[in-house]
N, C-alpha and C. Protein backbone atom coordinates (compact mmCIF):
# COMPACT_ATOMS: atom_id res chain seq x y z
N UNK A 1 0.08 -20.88 -6.07
CA UNK A 1 1.41 -20.59 -5.57
C UNK A 1 2.17 -19.84 -6.66
N UNK A 2 2.85 -18.81 -6.24
CA UNK A 2 3.66 -18.01 -7.15
C UNK A 2 5.05 -17.94 -6.55
N UNK A 3 5.97 -18.71 -7.13
CA UNK A 3 7.29 -18.83 -6.52
C UNK A 3 7.13 -19.50 -5.18
N UNK A 4 7.56 -18.83 -4.11
CA UNK A 4 7.40 -19.39 -2.76
C UNK A 4 6.22 -18.77 -2.02
N UNK A 5 5.41 -17.95 -2.71
CA UNK A 5 4.24 -17.30 -2.09
C UNK A 5 2.97 -18.10 -2.36
N UNK A 6 2.25 -18.39 -1.30
CA UNK A 6 0.95 -19.04 -1.43
C UNK A 6 -0.09 -17.94 -1.53
N UNK A 7 -0.87 -17.96 -2.60
CA UNK A 7 -1.87 -16.93 -2.85
C UNK A 7 -3.27 -17.50 -2.70
N UNK A 8 -4.21 -16.66 -2.29
CA UNK A 8 -5.57 -17.12 -2.05
C UNK A 8 -6.53 -15.97 -2.34
N UNK A 9 -7.80 -16.33 -2.54
CA UNK A 9 -8.87 -15.36 -2.71
C UNK A 9 -9.64 -15.25 -1.41
N UNK A 10 -10.00 -14.03 -1.03
CA UNK A 10 -10.84 -13.82 0.15
C UNK A 10 -11.79 -12.67 -0.12
N UNK A 11 -12.98 -12.74 0.49
CA UNK A 11 -13.97 -11.68 0.36
C UNK A 11 -14.14 -10.97 1.68
N UNK A 12 -14.22 -9.65 1.62
CA UNK A 12 -14.35 -8.81 2.81
C UNK A 12 -15.48 -7.82 2.59
N UNK A 13 -16.15 -7.45 3.66
CA UNK A 13 -17.13 -6.37 3.61
C UNK A 13 -16.55 -5.20 4.38
N UNK A 14 -16.51 -4.04 3.74
CA UNK A 14 -15.93 -2.86 4.38
C UNK A 14 -16.89 -2.31 5.42
N UNK A 15 -16.42 -2.24 6.66
CA UNK A 15 -17.21 -1.71 7.75
C UNK A 15 -17.27 -0.19 7.71
N UNK A 16 -18.15 0.36 8.51
CA UNK A 16 -18.35 1.81 8.55
C UNK A 16 -17.08 2.56 8.95
N UNK A 17 -16.20 1.91 9.72
CA UNK A 17 -14.96 2.54 10.17
C UNK A 17 -13.73 2.07 9.39
N UNK A 18 -13.96 1.42 8.25
CA UNK A 18 -12.85 0.90 7.46
C UNK A 18 -11.89 2.01 7.05
N UNK A 19 -10.62 1.72 7.17
CA UNK A 19 -9.59 2.66 6.76
C UNK A 19 -9.43 2.71 5.24
N UNK A 20 -10.14 1.83 4.53
CA UNK A 20 -10.07 1.79 3.07
C UNK A 20 -11.08 2.73 2.41
N UNK A 21 -12.10 3.15 3.15
CA UNK A 21 -13.16 4.00 2.59
C UNK A 21 -12.56 5.29 2.03
N UNK A 22 -12.95 5.58 0.81
CA UNK A 22 -12.45 6.78 0.12
C UNK A 22 -11.19 6.53 -0.68
N UNK A 23 -10.51 5.45 -0.38
CA UNK A 23 -9.31 5.10 -1.14
C UNK A 23 -9.67 4.41 -2.44
N UNK A 24 -8.76 4.42 -3.38
CA UNK A 24 -9.02 3.83 -4.69
C UNK A 24 -8.55 2.38 -4.76
N UNK A 25 -9.10 1.68 -5.73
CA UNK A 25 -8.66 0.32 -6.01
C UNK A 25 -7.16 0.33 -6.31
N UNK A 26 -6.74 1.29 -7.12
CA UNK A 26 -5.33 1.37 -7.50
C UNK A 26 -4.42 1.54 -6.29
N UNK A 27 -4.79 2.41 -5.36
CA UNK A 27 -3.93 2.64 -4.20
C UNK A 27 -3.87 1.39 -3.32
N UNK A 28 -4.99 0.70 -3.15
CA UNK A 28 -4.98 -0.53 -2.36
C UNK A 28 -4.10 -1.59 -3.01
N UNK A 29 -4.24 -1.74 -4.33
CA UNK A 29 -3.43 -2.74 -5.03
C UNK A 29 -1.95 -2.41 -4.94
N UNK A 30 -1.61 -1.16 -5.10
CA UNK A 30 -0.20 -0.75 -5.09
C UNK A 30 0.40 -0.82 -3.68
N UNK A 31 -0.30 -0.25 -2.71
CA UNK A 31 0.25 -0.17 -1.35
C UNK A 31 0.27 -1.51 -0.63
N UNK A 32 -0.70 -2.38 -0.95
CA UNK A 32 -0.80 -3.65 -0.22
C UNK A 32 -0.29 -4.85 -1.01
N UNK A 33 0.05 -4.66 -2.28
CA UNK A 33 0.53 -5.74 -3.15
C UNK A 33 -0.51 -6.85 -3.25
N UNK A 34 -1.69 -6.49 -3.77
CA UNK A 34 -2.78 -7.43 -3.96
C UNK A 34 -3.53 -7.08 -5.23
N UNK A 35 -4.45 -7.93 -5.63
CA UNK A 35 -5.31 -7.67 -6.78
C UNK A 35 -6.75 -7.66 -6.32
N UNK A 36 -7.47 -6.58 -6.64
CA UNK A 36 -8.90 -6.53 -6.38
C UNK A 36 -9.57 -7.21 -7.57
N UNK A 37 -10.20 -8.34 -7.31
CA UNK A 37 -10.79 -9.16 -8.35
C UNK A 37 -12.25 -8.79 -8.59
N UNK A 38 -12.96 -8.45 -7.52
CA UNK A 38 -14.39 -8.15 -7.62
C UNK A 38 -14.77 -7.11 -6.59
N UNK A 39 -15.58 -6.14 -6.99
CA UNK A 39 -16.12 -5.17 -6.07
C UNK A 39 -17.64 -5.19 -6.24
N UNK A 40 -18.34 -5.54 -5.18
CA UNK A 40 -19.79 -5.61 -5.22
C UNK A 40 -20.35 -4.51 -4.32
N UNK A 41 -21.24 -3.70 -4.91
CA UNK A 41 -21.88 -2.61 -4.17
C UNK A 41 -23.37 -2.72 -4.44
N UNK A 42 -24.10 -3.09 -3.40
CA UNK A 42 -25.54 -3.30 -3.59
C UNK A 42 -25.76 -4.45 -4.55
N UNK A 43 -26.54 -4.21 -5.59
CA UNK A 43 -26.82 -5.24 -6.60
C UNK A 43 -25.81 -5.24 -7.73
N UNK A 44 -24.92 -4.24 -7.77
CA UNK A 44 -23.94 -4.13 -8.84
C UNK A 44 -22.65 -4.85 -8.47
N UNK A 45 -22.15 -5.66 -9.40
CA UNK A 45 -20.88 -6.36 -9.20
C UNK A 45 -19.95 -5.99 -10.36
N UNK A 46 -18.72 -5.62 -10.03
CA UNK A 46 -17.75 -5.18 -11.01
C UNK A 46 -16.52 -6.08 -10.95
N UNK A 47 -16.39 -6.96 -11.95
CA UNK A 47 -15.25 -7.85 -12.04
C UNK A 47 -14.05 -7.03 -12.53
N UNK A 48 -12.96 -7.08 -11.81
CA UNK A 48 -11.76 -6.28 -12.08
C UNK A 48 -12.13 -4.80 -12.21
N UNK A 49 -12.53 -4.18 -11.10
CA UNK A 49 -13.00 -2.79 -11.13
C UNK A 49 -11.91 -1.83 -11.60
N UNK A 50 -12.36 -0.72 -12.15
CA UNK A 50 -11.48 0.33 -12.63
C UNK A 50 -10.56 0.80 -11.49
N UNK A 51 -9.32 1.12 -11.83
CA UNK A 51 -8.34 1.56 -10.84
C UNK A 51 -8.79 2.79 -10.05
N UNK A 52 -9.55 3.66 -10.68
CA UNK A 52 -9.97 4.91 -10.04
C UNK A 52 -11.18 4.74 -9.12
N UNK A 53 -11.82 3.58 -9.16
CA UNK A 53 -13.01 3.35 -8.33
C UNK A 53 -12.65 3.48 -6.86
N UNK A 54 -13.48 4.17 -6.10
CA UNK A 54 -13.22 4.41 -4.68
C UNK A 54 -14.12 3.54 -3.82
N UNK A 55 -13.55 3.06 -2.72
CA UNK A 55 -14.29 2.19 -1.81
C UNK A 55 -15.28 2.97 -0.97
N UNK A 56 -16.41 2.31 -0.65
CA UNK A 56 -17.44 2.86 0.23
C UNK A 56 -17.77 1.83 1.31
N UNK A 57 -18.29 2.31 2.42
CA UNK A 57 -18.74 1.41 3.48
C UNK A 57 -19.79 0.46 2.91
N UNK A 58 -19.70 -0.80 3.29
CA UNK A 58 -20.63 -1.81 2.83
C UNK A 58 -20.20 -2.52 1.56
N UNK A 59 -19.16 -2.02 0.88
CA UNK A 59 -18.67 -2.70 -0.32
C UNK A 59 -18.20 -4.10 0.04
N UNK A 60 -18.49 -5.06 -0.82
CA UNK A 60 -17.93 -6.40 -0.71
C UNK A 60 -16.78 -6.46 -1.70
N UNK A 61 -15.59 -6.73 -1.19
CA UNK A 61 -14.38 -6.69 -2.00
C UNK A 61 -13.71 -8.07 -1.96
N UNK A 62 -13.49 -8.64 -3.13
CA UNK A 62 -12.77 -9.91 -3.23
C UNK A 62 -11.37 -9.61 -3.71
N UNK A 63 -10.38 -10.07 -2.95
CA UNK A 63 -8.98 -9.79 -3.28
C UNK A 63 -8.18 -11.08 -3.39
N UNK A 64 -7.12 -11.01 -4.17
CA UNK A 64 -6.19 -12.12 -4.40
C UNK A 64 -4.84 -11.69 -3.86
N UNK A 65 -4.34 -12.42 -2.86
CA UNK A 65 -3.08 -12.02 -2.23
C UNK A 65 -2.55 -13.17 -1.37
N UNK A 66 -1.38 -12.94 -0.78
CA UNK A 66 -0.83 -13.93 0.15
C UNK A 66 -1.51 -13.78 1.52
N UNK A 67 -1.29 -14.74 2.38
CA UNK A 67 -1.98 -14.80 3.67
C UNK A 67 -1.73 -13.56 4.53
N UNK A 68 -0.51 -13.13 4.63
CA UNK A 68 -0.20 -11.96 5.46
C UNK A 68 -0.92 -10.71 4.94
N UNK A 69 -0.96 -10.55 3.63
CA UNK A 69 -1.63 -9.40 3.04
C UNK A 69 -3.13 -9.48 3.27
N UNK A 70 -3.70 -10.68 3.16
CA UNK A 70 -5.14 -10.85 3.42
C UNK A 70 -5.47 -10.48 4.86
N UNK A 71 -4.61 -10.83 5.79
CA UNK A 71 -4.84 -10.49 7.19
C UNK A 71 -4.78 -8.97 7.39
N UNK A 72 -3.83 -8.34 6.74
CA UNK A 72 -3.71 -6.88 6.83
C UNK A 72 -4.94 -6.21 6.21
N UNK A 73 -5.39 -6.70 5.06
CA UNK A 73 -6.57 -6.14 4.40
C UNK A 73 -7.80 -6.30 5.30
N UNK A 74 -7.92 -7.44 5.99
CA UNK A 74 -9.05 -7.67 6.89
C UNK A 74 -9.06 -6.60 8.01
N UNK A 75 -7.90 -6.32 8.59
CA UNK A 75 -7.83 -5.30 9.64
C UNK A 75 -8.26 -3.93 9.11
N UNK A 76 -7.80 -3.58 7.91
CA UNK A 76 -8.18 -2.31 7.31
C UNK A 76 -9.66 -2.27 6.95
N UNK A 77 -10.19 -3.39 6.47
CA UNK A 77 -11.62 -3.46 6.11
C UNK A 77 -12.49 -3.32 7.34
N UNK A 78 -12.04 -3.88 8.46
CA UNK A 78 -12.81 -3.82 9.71
C UNK A 78 -12.66 -2.48 10.41
N UNK A 79 -11.61 -1.74 10.08
CA UNK A 79 -11.36 -0.47 10.74
C UNK A 79 -10.53 -0.61 11.99
N UNK A 80 -9.85 -1.74 12.12
CA UNK A 80 -9.03 -1.99 13.32
C UNK A 80 -7.69 -1.29 13.23
């Protein structure tokens, strides 16, 4: 909990139609007010990935955020 915000960790897999594909870690963190904690691509896992790293379909992304932001990230990850 941070002030009155309840924060949680969640893992998402970016679908082929994800609206996050091609976007950077930095833009996701800034626009959605979250922290990307882990980015896993294939066998490679990057704890606190570089801000310039760009998302690809199939990436497993672990983020730290409040519930509403996690729900929004899920919709973007799914391509909804």
